[in-house]
Amino acid sequence: RLMLILGFVRYSCMKMNDAIERFLLYIRTERRLSTNTVIKYEGGLRQFAQFVSEKLSIGEVEEITHQDIRDWQITLSDNGAAVATVKGQLVILRTFFKFLRREGIVENDIMAKVVTPKEPKHLPVFFTEKETSKIYDSEYFNDDFEGKRDQLLLQLLYETGIRRAEVVGMKESSIDFSAKTLKVLGKRDKERI
């Protein structure tokens, strides 16, 4: 019983680096994550540990708050990290703090108050009329099978509005030469002619 109490006291003041080592051992041995994933998690956690140690003067994992996570998120963004990179770092921290809660090292879910940034939606880029007319000009394509194929595919995509996945799924039997139609299997297995 005394060992349990001492064990709890030992973990109630765990240094950040000790918590990271314990987590890395867990994901290596129990979860059996790939070496690359372990390296990625370790790199992200070491960067975070350096940030909380140097910028916020935090040494123990129990001292970290959701605001510290937000400060880390802002620092990453200010240093030019892409939204996907920030999201990846937050995934690492979520997994880490979930492990710490399960082990009884921290009590609260500090990640619950951290908002994950949304990736900006990119508008599609449209071809100009001049660019589009090039798919009808044979001089832009090689005079061999690959060149003719590429030109035909581009014309098919442009003229029919067919999706890339539909082109990939087409078979020779999808073409009705006499009726001059194509049968394609679209989203949710719906056929279109």
N, C-alpha and C. Protein backbone atom coordinates (compact mmCIF):
# COMPACT_ATOMS: atom_id res chain seq x y z
N ARG A 1 0.83 -1.19 0.00
CA ARG A 1 0.00 0.00 0.00
C ARG A 1 0.87 1.26 0.00
N LEU A 2 1.96 1.19 0.76
CA LEU A 2 2.89 2.32 0.81
C LEU A 2 3.51 2.54 -0.57
N MET A 3 3.79 1.45 -1.29
CA MET A 3 4.36 1.56 -2.63
C MET A 3 3.39 2.26 -3.57
N LEU A 4 2.10 1.97 -3.44
CA LEU A 4 1.10 2.63 -4.27
C LEU A 4 1.08 4.12 -3.99
N ILE A 5 1.14 4.48 -2.73
CA ILE A 5 1.14 5.90 -2.36
C ILE A 5 2.40 6.57 -2.89
N LEU A 6 3.55 5.91 -2.71
CA LEU A 6 4.81 6.47 -3.21
C LEU A 6 4.79 6.56 -4.73
N GLY A 7 4.21 5.55 -5.38
CA GLY A 7 4.10 5.58 -6.83
C GLY A 7 3.26 6.75 -7.30
N PHE A 8 2.17 7.02 -6.60
CA PHE A 8 1.32 8.15 -6.98
C PHE A 8 2.05 9.47 -6.77
N VAL A 9 2.78 9.57 -5.66
CA VAL A 9 3.53 10.79 -5.39
C VAL A 9 4.60 10.98 -6.45
N ARG A 10 5.26 9.89 -6.84
CA ARG A 10 6.31 9.99 -7.84
C ARG A 10 5.75 10.53 -9.16
N TYR A 11 4.57 10.07 -9.57
CA TYR A 11 4.01 10.50 -10.84
C TYR A 11 3.27 11.82 -10.75
N SER A 12 2.94 12.25 -9.54
CA SER A 12 2.20 13.50 -9.43
C SER A 12 3.10 14.70 -9.72
N CYS A 13 4.40 14.51 -9.80
CA CYS A 13 5.33 15.58 -10.14
C CYS A 13 6.30 15.09 -11.21
N MET A 14 5.77 14.69 -12.33
CA MET A 14 6.60 14.11 -13.37
C MET A 14 7.17 15.19 -14.28
N LYS A 15 8.47 15.11 -14.51
CA LYS A 15 9.14 16.01 -15.44
C LYS A 15 8.65 15.72 -16.85
N MET A 16 8.63 16.74 -17.67
CA MET A 16 8.14 16.61 -19.04
C MET A 16 8.93 15.55 -19.80
N ASN A 17 10.25 15.57 -19.70
CA ASN A 17 11.07 14.59 -20.44
C ASN A 17 10.83 13.16 -19.98
N ASP A 18 10.57 12.99 -18.67
CA ASP A 18 10.26 11.65 -18.17
C ASP A 18 8.93 11.16 -18.72
N ALA A 19 7.96 12.07 -18.78
CA ALA A 19 6.64 11.71 -19.34
C ALA A 19 6.76 11.34 -20.81
N ILE A 20 7.59 12.07 -21.54
CA ILE A 20 7.79 11.77 -22.96
C ILE A 20 8.42 10.40 -23.12
N GLU A 21 9.44 10.09 -22.32
CA GLU A 21 10.10 8.78 -22.41
C GLU A 21 9.12 7.66 -22.12
N ARG A 22 8.29 7.85 -21.13
CA ARG A 22 7.30 6.83 -20.77
C ARG A 22 6.30 6.64 -21.91
N PHE A 23 5.86 7.74 -22.51
CA PHE A 23 4.92 7.69 -23.63
C PHE A 23 5.55 6.99 -24.83
N LEU A 24 6.80 7.32 -25.14
CA LEU A 24 7.47 6.71 -26.29
C LEU A 24 7.63 5.20 -26.09
N LEU A 25 7.93 4.79 -24.87
CA LEU A 25 8.02 3.37 -24.56
C LEU A 25 6.66 2.70 -24.80
N TYR A 26 5.60 3.37 -24.40
CA TYR A 26 4.24 2.84 -24.59
C TYR A 26 3.90 2.68 -26.07
N ILE A 27 4.17 3.71 -26.88
CA ILE A 27 3.78 3.60 -28.29
C ILE A 27 4.68 2.64 -29.06
N ARG A 28 5.91 2.44 -28.57
CA ARG A 28 6.81 1.48 -29.21
C ARG A 28 6.43 0.04 -28.87
N THR A 29 6.21 -0.22 -27.57
CA THR A 29 6.04 -1.60 -27.11
C THR A 29 4.59 -2.06 -27.07
N GLU A 30 3.70 -1.25 -26.54
CA GLU A 30 2.31 -1.68 -26.40
C GLU A 30 1.50 -1.43 -27.66
N ARG A 31 1.61 -0.22 -28.22
CA ARG A 31 0.84 0.09 -29.42
C ARG A 31 1.54 -0.37 -30.68
N ARG A 32 2.85 -0.63 -30.60
CA ARG A 32 3.66 -1.12 -31.72
C ARG A 32 3.52 -0.25 -32.97
N LEU A 33 3.64 1.05 -32.76
CA LEU A 33 3.60 1.97 -33.89
C LEU A 33 4.89 1.86 -34.68
N SER A 34 4.83 2.24 -35.93
CA SER A 34 6.01 2.13 -36.80
C SER A 34 7.13 3.05 -36.30
N THR A 35 8.32 2.72 -36.70
CA THR A 35 9.49 3.51 -36.30
C THR A 35 9.34 4.96 -36.74
N ASN A 36 8.87 5.18 -37.98
CA ASN A 36 8.69 6.54 -38.48
C ASN A 36 7.68 7.32 -37.65
N THR A 37 6.60 6.66 -37.24
CA THR A 37 5.59 7.33 -36.42
C THR A 37 6.16 7.69 -35.06
N VAL A 38 6.91 6.78 -34.47
CA VAL A 38 7.53 7.05 -33.16
C VAL A 38 8.49 8.23 -33.28
N ILE A 39 9.27 8.27 -34.35
CA ILE A 39 10.21 9.38 -34.57
C ILE A 39 9.44 10.69 -34.71
N LYS A 40 8.35 10.67 -35.46
CA LYS A 40 7.52 11.86 -35.65
C LYS A 40 6.94 12.34 -34.32
N TYR A 41 6.40 11.41 -33.53
CA TYR A 41 5.84 11.77 -32.22
C TYR A 41 6.93 12.32 -31.31
N GLU A 42 8.08 11.67 -31.31
CA GLU A 42 9.17 12.13 -30.44
C GLU A 42 9.61 13.54 -30.82
N GLY A 43 9.78 13.79 -32.13
CA GLY A 43 10.19 15.11 -32.58
C GLY A 43 9.20 16.19 -32.17
N GLY A 44 7.91 15.92 -32.37
CA GLY A 44 6.89 16.88 -31.99
C GLY A 44 6.86 17.15 -30.50
N LEU A 45 6.98 16.09 -29.71
CA LEU A 45 6.95 16.24 -28.25
C LEU A 45 8.19 16.94 -27.73
N ARG A 46 9.34 16.66 -28.32
CA ARG A 46 10.58 17.34 -27.89
C ARG A 46 10.52 18.83 -28.20
N GLN A 47 9.97 19.18 -29.36
CA GLN A 47 9.81 20.60 -29.70
C GLN A 47 8.88 21.28 -28.70
N PHE A 48 7.77 20.61 -28.38
CA PHE A 48 6.83 21.17 -27.43
C PHE A 48 7.47 21.31 -26.05
N ALA A 49 8.21 20.29 -25.63
CA ALA A 49 8.88 20.34 -24.32
C ALA A 49 9.88 21.49 -24.25
N GLN A 50 10.60 21.70 -25.34
CA GLN A 50 11.55 22.81 -25.39
C GLN A 50 10.81 24.15 -25.29
N PHE A 51 9.68 24.25 -25.98
CA PHE A 51 8.88 25.48 -25.95
C PHE A 51 8.39 25.77 -24.54
N VAL A 52 7.77 24.78 -23.87
CA VAL A 52 7.23 25.04 -22.53
C VAL A 52 8.34 25.28 -21.52
N SER A 53 9.49 24.67 -21.73
CA SER A 53 10.60 24.86 -20.82
C SER A 53 11.23 26.25 -20.98
N GLU A 54 11.54 26.62 -22.23
CA GLU A 54 12.24 27.88 -22.48
C GLU A 54 11.33 29.10 -22.44
N LYS A 55 10.19 29.02 -23.08
CA LYS A 55 9.31 30.20 -23.21
C LYS A 55 8.40 30.38 -22.01
N LEU A 56 7.96 29.25 -21.41
CA LEU A 56 6.98 29.35 -20.33
C LEU A 56 7.54 28.94 -18.97
N SER A 57 8.78 28.50 -18.94
CA SER A 57 9.45 28.06 -17.71
C SER A 57 8.68 26.96 -16.98
N ILE A 58 8.15 26.02 -17.76
CA ILE A 58 7.42 24.89 -17.20
C ILE A 58 8.31 23.66 -17.31
N GLY A 59 8.47 22.94 -16.21
CA GLY A 59 9.30 21.75 -16.22
C GLY A 59 8.51 20.47 -15.98
N GLU A 60 7.36 20.60 -15.30
CA GLU A 60 6.58 19.41 -14.97
C GLU A 60 5.31 19.37 -15.80
N VAL A 61 4.96 18.18 -16.21
CA VAL A 61 3.85 18.00 -17.15
C VAL A 61 2.51 18.43 -16.55
N GLU A 62 2.36 18.33 -15.23
CA GLU A 62 1.10 18.70 -14.59
C GLU A 62 0.83 20.20 -14.63
N GLU A 63 1.86 20.99 -14.86
CA GLU A 63 1.72 22.45 -14.88
C GLU A 63 1.15 22.96 -16.20
N ILE A 64 1.16 22.15 -17.23
CA ILE A 64 0.74 22.58 -18.57
C ILE A 64 -0.77 22.77 -18.60
N THR A 65 -1.20 23.89 -19.19
CA THR A 65 -2.62 24.19 -19.32
C THR A 65 -3.02 24.25 -20.79
N HIS A 66 -4.31 24.34 -21.03
CA HIS A 66 -4.79 24.46 -22.41
C HIS A 66 -4.28 25.75 -23.05
N GLN A 67 -4.07 26.78 -22.25
CA GLN A 67 -3.56 28.04 -22.78
C GLN A 67 -2.12 27.88 -23.28
N ASP A 68 -1.34 27.03 -22.60
CA ASP A 68 0.02 26.76 -23.05
C ASP A 68 0.02 26.06 -24.41
N ILE A 69 -0.96 25.17 -24.58
CA ILE A 69 -1.10 24.47 -25.87
C ILE A 69 -1.47 25.49 -26.95
N ARG A 70 -2.38 26.41 -26.62
CA ARG A 70 -2.77 27.45 -27.58
C ARG A 70 -1.58 28.34 -27.92
N ASP A 71 -0.77 28.68 -26.92
CA ASP A 71 0.43 29.49 -27.18
C ASP A 71 1.38 28.76 -28.12
N TRP A 72 1.53 27.46 -27.94
CA TRP A 72 2.36 26.64 -28.83
C TRP A 72 1.80 26.66 -30.25
N GLN A 73 0.50 26.52 -30.34
CA GLN A 73 -0.18 26.54 -31.64
C GLN A 73 0.06 27.88 -32.36
N ILE A 74 -0.05 28.97 -31.63
CA ILE A 74 0.16 30.30 -32.20
C ILE A 74 1.62 30.48 -32.61
N THR A 75 2.54 30.00 -31.78
CA THR A 75 3.96 30.10 -32.11
C THR A 75 4.28 29.34 -33.39
N LEU A 76 3.73 28.15 -33.53
CA LEU A 76 3.95 27.38 -34.75
C LEU A 76 3.45 28.15 -35.97
N SER A 77 2.23 28.69 -35.86
CA SER A 77 1.66 29.45 -36.98
C SER A 77 2.48 30.69 -37.29
N ASP A 78 2.89 31.41 -36.25
CA ASP A 78 3.69 32.62 -36.45
C ASP A 78 5.05 32.32 -37.10
N ASN A 79 5.55 31.11 -36.87
CA ASN A 79 6.83 30.71 -37.46
C ASN A 79 6.66 30.12 -38.86
N GLY A 80 5.46 30.23 -39.41
CA GLY A 80 5.23 29.82 -40.78
C GLY A 80 4.82 28.38 -40.99
N ALA A 81 4.46 27.68 -39.92
CA ALA A 81 4.02 26.29 -40.08
C ALA A 81 2.68 26.25 -40.80
N ALA A 82 2.53 25.30 -41.69
CA ALA A 82 1.27 25.13 -42.42
C ALA A 82 0.19 24.63 -41.46
N VAL A 83 -1.05 24.83 -41.83
CA VAL A 83 -2.18 24.38 -41.01
C VAL A 83 -2.09 22.88 -40.77
N ALA A 84 -1.71 22.13 -41.79
CA ALA A 84 -1.59 20.67 -41.66
C ALA A 84 -0.53 20.30 -40.62
N THR A 85 0.55 21.06 -40.57
CA THR A 85 1.61 20.81 -39.59
C THR A 85 1.11 21.08 -38.18
N VAL A 86 0.40 22.19 -38.00
CA VAL A 86 -0.16 22.53 -36.68
C VAL A 86 -1.15 21.45 -36.25
N LYS A 87 -1.99 21.02 -37.17
CA LYS A 87 -2.95 19.96 -36.86
C LYS A 87 -2.23 18.68 -36.46
N GLY A 88 -1.15 18.35 -37.16
CA GLY A 88 -0.37 17.16 -36.83
C GLY A 88 0.23 17.24 -35.43
N GLN A 89 0.73 18.43 -35.08
CA GLN A 89 1.30 18.61 -33.73
C GLN A 89 0.21 18.46 -32.66
N LEU A 90 -0.99 18.95 -32.94
CA LEU A 90 -2.08 18.83 -31.98
C LEU A 90 -2.53 17.38 -31.82
N VAL A 91 -2.48 16.61 -32.91
CA VAL A 91 -2.80 15.18 -32.82
C VAL A 91 -1.81 14.49 -31.90
N ILE A 92 -0.53 14.82 -32.05
CA ILE A 92 0.50 14.24 -31.20
C ILE A 92 0.23 14.58 -29.73
N LEU A 93 -0.07 15.85 -29.46
CA LEU A 93 -0.33 16.27 -28.07
C LEU A 93 -1.60 15.63 -27.52
N ARG A 94 -2.64 15.49 -28.34
CA ARG A 94 -3.88 14.84 -27.89
C ARG A 94 -3.59 13.40 -27.45
N THR A 95 -2.85 12.69 -28.28
CA THR A 95 -2.50 11.30 -27.97
C THR A 95 -1.66 11.23 -26.70
N PHE A 96 -0.71 12.15 -26.58
CA PHE A 96 0.18 12.19 -25.42
C PHE A 96 -0.61 12.45 -24.13
N PHE A 97 -1.46 13.47 -24.14
CA PHE A 97 -2.19 13.81 -22.92
C PHE A 97 -3.29 12.79 -22.59
N LYS A 98 -3.81 12.12 -23.60
CA LYS A 98 -4.77 11.03 -23.35
C LYS A 98 -4.06 9.90 -22.61
N PHE A 99 -2.84 9.59 -23.04
CA PHE A 99 -2.02 8.58 -22.37
C PHE A 99 -1.75 8.99 -20.93
N LEU A 100 -1.37 10.26 -20.72
CA LEU A 100 -1.06 10.74 -19.37
C LEU A 100 -2.27 10.67 -18.45
N ARG A 101 -3.45 10.97 -18.98
CA ARG A 101 -4.68 10.87 -18.19
C ARG A 101 -4.96 9.41 -17.82
N ARG A 102 -4.80 8.53 -18.81
CA ARG A 102 -5.05 7.10 -18.56
C ARG A 102 -4.11 6.55 -17.50
N GLU A 103 -2.88 7.05 -17.49
CA GLU A 103 -1.88 6.59 -16.52
C GLU A 103 -2.02 7.29 -15.16
N GLY A 104 -2.91 8.26 -15.06
CA GLY A 104 -3.10 8.97 -13.81
C GLY A 104 -2.05 10.03 -13.54
N ILE A 105 -1.31 10.42 -14.55
CA ILE A 105 -0.24 11.41 -14.38
C ILE A 105 -0.83 12.81 -14.38
N VAL A 106 -1.84 13.05 -15.21
CA VAL A 106 -2.58 14.31 -15.18
C VAL A 106 -4.05 13.99 -14.97
N GLU A 107 -4.77 14.94 -14.40
CA GLU A 107 -6.17 14.70 -14.09
C GLU A 107 -7.12 15.20 -15.17
N ASN A 108 -6.87 16.39 -15.68
CA ASN A 108 -7.82 17.03 -16.58
C ASN A 108 -7.46 16.82 -18.04
N ASP A 109 -8.48 16.88 -18.87
CA ASP A 109 -8.29 16.80 -20.32
C ASP A 109 -8.06 18.22 -20.84
N ILE A 110 -6.80 18.65 -20.81
CA ILE A 110 -6.51 20.03 -21.22
C ILE A 110 -6.69 20.23 -22.72
N MET A 111 -6.69 19.16 -23.49
CA MET A 111 -6.84 19.28 -24.94
C MET A 111 -8.30 19.54 -25.34
N ALA A 112 -9.24 19.32 -24.41
CA ALA A 112 -10.65 19.52 -24.74
C ALA A 112 -10.96 20.96 -25.11
N LYS A 113 -10.21 21.89 -24.56
CA LYS A 113 -10.46 23.32 -24.83
C LYS A 113 -9.64 23.86 -26.00
N VAL A 114 -8.81 23.00 -26.59
CA VAL A 114 -7.96 23.43 -27.70
C VAL A 114 -8.70 23.20 -29.02
N VAL A 115 -8.82 24.26 -29.80
CA VAL A 115 -9.52 24.18 -31.08
C VAL A 115 -8.52 23.88 -32.18
N THR A 116 -8.83 22.87 -32.97
CA THR A 116 -7.97 22.52 -34.10
C THR A 116 -8.24 23.48 -35.25
N PRO A 117 -7.20 24.03 -35.86
CA PRO A 117 -7.43 24.97 -36.97
C PRO A 117 -7.99 24.25 -38.18
N LYS A 118 -8.79 24.94 -38.93
CA LYS A 118 -9.38 24.37 -40.15
C LYS A 118 -8.47 24.70 -41.33
N GLU A 119 -8.36 23.73 -42.22
CA GLU A 119 -7.57 23.95 -43.43
C GLU A 119 -8.34 24.91 -44.33
N PRO A 120 -7.65 25.88 -44.91
CA PRO A 120 -8.35 26.80 -45.81
C PRO A 120 -8.83 26.06 -47.05
N LYS A 121 -10.02 26.41 -47.49
CA LYS A 121 -10.55 25.79 -48.70
C LYS A 121 -10.00 26.55 -49.90
N HIS A 122 -9.47 25.78 -50.83
CA HIS A 122 -8.91 26.39 -52.02
C HIS A 122 -9.93 26.35 -53.14
N LEU A 123 -10.08 27.47 -53.80
CA LEU A 123 -10.97 27.52 -54.95
C LEU A 123 -10.31 26.81 -56.12
N PRO A 124 -11.11 26.15 -56.94
CA PRO A 124 -10.51 25.47 -58.09
C PRO A 124 -9.92 26.47 -59.06
N VAL A 125 -8.88 26.04 -59.74
CA VAL A 125 -8.23 26.87 -60.74
C VAL A 125 -8.81 26.48 -62.09
N PHE A 126 -9.33 27.46 -62.80
CA PHE A 126 -9.94 27.19 -64.09
C PHE A 126 -8.98 27.55 -65.21
N PHE A 127 -9.08 26.81 -66.31
CA PHE A 127 -8.29 27.12 -67.48
C PHE A 127 -8.93 28.29 -68.22
N THR A 128 -8.08 29.07 -68.82
CA THR A 128 -8.61 30.14 -69.67
C THR A 128 -9.06 29.52 -70.98
N GLU A 129 -9.80 30.29 -71.76
CA GLU A 129 -10.26 29.79 -73.06
C GLU A 129 -9.07 29.44 -73.96
N LYS A 130 -8.03 30.26 -73.89
CA LYS A 130 -6.84 30.02 -74.70
C LYS A 130 -6.16 28.72 -74.29
N GLU A 131 -6.05 28.48 -72.97
CA GLU A 131 -5.44 27.25 -72.49
C GLU A 131 -6.28 26.03 -72.88
N THR A 132 -7.60 26.17 -72.78
CA THR A 132 -8.49 25.06 -73.10
C THR A 132 -8.40 24.69 -74.58
N SER A 133 -8.21 25.67 -75.44
CA SER A 133 -8.15 25.39 -76.88
C SER A 133 -6.94 24.53 -77.24
N LYS A 134 -5.94 24.48 -76.38
CA LYS A 134 -4.73 23.69 -76.66
C LYS A 134 -5.02 22.19 -76.68
N ILE A 135 -6.08 21.74 -76.02
CA ILE A 135 -6.35 20.29 -76.03
C ILE A 135 -6.84 19.83 -77.40
N TYR A 136 -7.20 20.78 -78.26
CA TYR A 136 -7.64 20.42 -79.61
C TYR A 136 -6.51 20.59 -80.64
N ASP A 137 -5.38 21.12 -80.20
CA ASP A 137 -4.26 21.37 -81.10
C ASP A 137 -3.25 20.22 -80.98
N SER A 138 -3.10 19.45 -82.03
CA SER A 138 -2.24 18.26 -82.00
C SER A 138 -0.76 18.57 -81.79
N GLU A 139 -0.35 19.80 -82.06
CA GLU A 139 1.09 20.12 -81.91
C GLU A 139 1.54 20.06 -80.44
N TYR A 140 0.61 20.09 -79.49
CA TYR A 140 0.97 20.03 -78.07
C TYR A 140 1.10 18.59 -77.57
N PHE A 141 0.81 17.63 -78.43
CA PHE A 141 0.86 16.23 -78.04
C PHE A 141 1.79 15.47 -78.98
N ASN A 142 2.46 14.47 -78.44
CA ASN A 142 3.34 13.63 -79.26
C ASN A 142 2.52 12.87 -80.29
N ASP A 143 3.13 12.57 -81.41
CA ASP A 143 2.43 11.85 -82.48
C ASP A 143 2.66 10.34 -82.31
N ASP A 144 2.34 9.85 -81.13
CA ASP A 144 2.44 8.42 -80.86
C ASP A 144 1.22 8.02 -80.02
N PHE A 145 1.19 6.76 -79.60
CA PHE A 145 0.01 6.28 -78.85
C PHE A 145 -0.23 7.11 -77.59
N GLU A 146 0.83 7.35 -76.79
CA GLU A 146 0.68 8.08 -75.53
C GLU A 146 0.16 9.49 -75.77
N GLY A 147 0.66 10.15 -76.79
CA GLY A 147 0.22 11.50 -77.10
C GLY A 147 -1.25 11.55 -77.49
N LYS A 148 -1.66 10.62 -78.36
CA LYS A 148 -3.07 10.56 -78.79
C LYS A 148 -3.98 10.21 -77.60
N ARG A 149 -3.51 9.29 -76.76
CA ARG A 149 -4.28 8.90 -75.58
C ARG A 149 -4.48 10.10 -74.65
N ASP A 150 -3.40 10.81 -74.36
CA ASP A 150 -3.47 11.97 -73.46
C ASP A 150 -4.42 13.03 -74.00
N GLN A 151 -4.35 13.29 -75.30
CA GLN A 151 -5.22 14.29 -75.91
C GLN A 151 -6.68 13.84 -75.81
N LEU A 152 -6.94 12.58 -76.09
CA LEU A 152 -8.30 12.05 -76.01
C LEU A 152 -8.85 12.14 -74.59
N LEU A 153 -8.03 11.78 -73.60
CA LEU A 153 -8.47 11.84 -72.20
C LEU A 153 -8.80 13.28 -71.78
N LEU A 154 -7.96 14.21 -72.15
CA LEU A 154 -8.23 15.61 -71.80
C LEU A 154 -9.51 16.11 -72.46
N GLN A 155 -9.71 15.75 -73.74
CA GLN A 155 -10.93 16.16 -74.43
C GLN A 155 -12.16 15.52 -73.78
N LEU A 156 -12.03 14.25 -73.41
CA LEU A 156 -13.14 13.54 -72.75
C LEU A 156 -13.50 14.20 -71.42
N LEU A 157 -12.51 14.51 -70.62
CA LEU A 157 -12.75 15.17 -69.33
C LEU A 157 -13.42 16.53 -69.54
N TYR A 158 -12.91 17.29 -70.49
CA TYR A 158 -13.41 18.65 -70.72
C TYR A 158 -14.83 18.65 -71.30
N GLU A 159 -15.06 17.84 -72.30
CA GLU A 159 -16.33 17.89 -73.03
C GLU A 159 -17.49 17.22 -72.29
N THR A 160 -17.19 16.22 -71.48
CA THR A 160 -18.28 15.49 -70.83
C THR A 160 -18.47 15.87 -69.36
N GLY A 161 -17.47 16.46 -68.75
CA GLY A 161 -17.57 16.76 -67.32
C GLY A 161 -17.42 15.51 -66.47
N ILE A 162 -16.95 14.45 -67.08
CA ILE A 162 -16.76 13.19 -66.37
C ILE A 162 -15.69 13.36 -65.29
N ARG A 163 -15.83 12.63 -64.20
CA ARG A 163 -14.85 12.71 -63.11
C ARG A 163 -13.65 11.81 -63.43
N ARG A 164 -12.53 12.16 -62.80
CA ARG A 164 -11.31 11.38 -63.00
C ARG A 164 -11.53 9.93 -62.61
N ALA A 165 -12.18 9.70 -61.47
CA ALA A 165 -12.43 8.34 -61.00
C ALA A 165 -13.32 7.56 -61.97
N GLU A 166 -14.23 8.27 -62.63
CA GLU A 166 -15.09 7.61 -63.60
C GLU A 166 -14.30 7.19 -64.84
N VAL A 167 -13.36 8.02 -65.24
CA VAL A 167 -12.51 7.65 -66.39
C VAL A 167 -11.68 6.43 -66.03
N VAL A 168 -11.13 6.42 -64.84
CA VAL A 168 -10.29 5.30 -64.41
C VAL A 168 -11.10 4.00 -64.39
N GLY A 169 -12.37 4.08 -64.00
CA GLY A 169 -13.22 2.90 -63.90
C GLY A 169 -13.84 2.45 -65.22
N MET A 170 -13.63 3.19 -66.30
CA MET A 170 -14.23 2.83 -67.58
C MET A 170 -13.60 1.57 -68.16
N LYS A 171 -14.45 0.81 -68.86
CA LYS A 171 -13.98 -0.37 -69.59
C LYS A 171 -14.38 -0.19 -71.04
N GLU A 172 -13.84 -1.01 -71.90
CA GLU A 172 -14.19 -0.92 -73.31
C GLU A 172 -15.69 -1.14 -73.52
N SER A 173 -16.27 -2.00 -72.67
CA SER A 173 -17.72 -2.28 -72.76
C SER A 173 -18.56 -1.08 -72.33
N SER A 174 -17.93 -0.06 -71.71
CA SER A 174 -18.65 1.15 -71.31
C SER A 174 -18.99 2.03 -72.50
N ILE A 175 -18.36 1.77 -73.63
CA ILE A 175 -18.54 2.62 -74.82
C ILE A 175 -19.53 1.96 -75.78
N ASP A 176 -20.55 2.71 -76.17
CA ASP A 176 -21.50 2.26 -77.20
C ASP A 176 -21.20 3.09 -78.44
N PHE A 177 -20.43 2.50 -79.36
CA PHE A 177 -19.99 3.23 -80.54
C PHE A 177 -21.16 3.60 -81.46
N SER A 178 -22.16 2.72 -81.57
CA SER A 178 -23.29 3.01 -82.47
C SER A 178 -24.13 4.17 -81.95
N ALA A 179 -24.37 4.24 -80.64
CA ALA A 179 -25.16 5.32 -80.07
C ALA A 179 -24.29 6.52 -79.69
N LYS A 180 -22.96 6.34 -79.78
CA LYS A 180 -21.99 7.38 -79.41
C LYS A 180 -22.20 7.85 -77.97
N THR A 181 -22.27 6.88 -77.04
CA THR A 181 -22.46 7.19 -75.63
C THR A 181 -21.44 6.44 -74.78
N LEU A 182 -21.27 6.92 -73.57
CA LEU A 182 -20.43 6.27 -72.56
C LEU A 182 -21.31 5.96 -71.36
N LYS A 183 -21.08 4.82 -70.74
CA LYS A 183 -21.77 4.50 -69.49
C LYS A 183 -20.70 4.50 -68.41
N VAL A 184 -20.87 5.36 -67.40
CA VAL A 184 -19.87 5.45 -66.33
C VAL A 184 -20.54 5.18 -64.99
N LEU A 185 -19.75 4.64 -64.07
CA LEU A 185 -20.20 4.38 -62.72
C LEU A 185 -19.72 5.53 -61.86
N GLY A 186 -20.67 6.33 -61.36
CA GLY A 186 -20.31 7.53 -60.60
C GLY A 186 -20.32 7.31 -59.11
N LYS A 187 -20.47 8.41 -58.38
CA LYS A 187 -20.49 8.36 -56.92
C LYS A 187 -21.67 7.50 -56.45
N ARG A 188 -21.44 6.80 -55.35
CA ARG A 188 -22.44 5.92 -54.75
C ARG A 188 -22.99 4.91 -55.75
N ASP A 189 -22.11 4.45 -56.64
CA ASP A 189 -22.43 3.42 -57.63
C ASP A 189 -23.63 3.75 -58.52
N LYS A 190 -23.79 5.01 -58.86
CA LYS A 190 -24.86 5.41 -59.78
C LYS A 190 -24.30 5.45 -61.19
N GLU A 191 -25.05 4.84 -62.10
CA GLU A 191 -24.63 4.84 -63.50
C GLU A 191 -25.12 6.10 -64.19
N ARG A 192 -24.24 6.64 -65.03
CA ARG A 192 -24.60 7.79 -65.87
C ARG A 192 -24.27 7.48 -67.30
N ILE A 193 -25.05 8.01 -68.21
CA ILE A 193 -24.78 7.83 -69.64
C ILE A 193 -24.50 9.19 -70.25
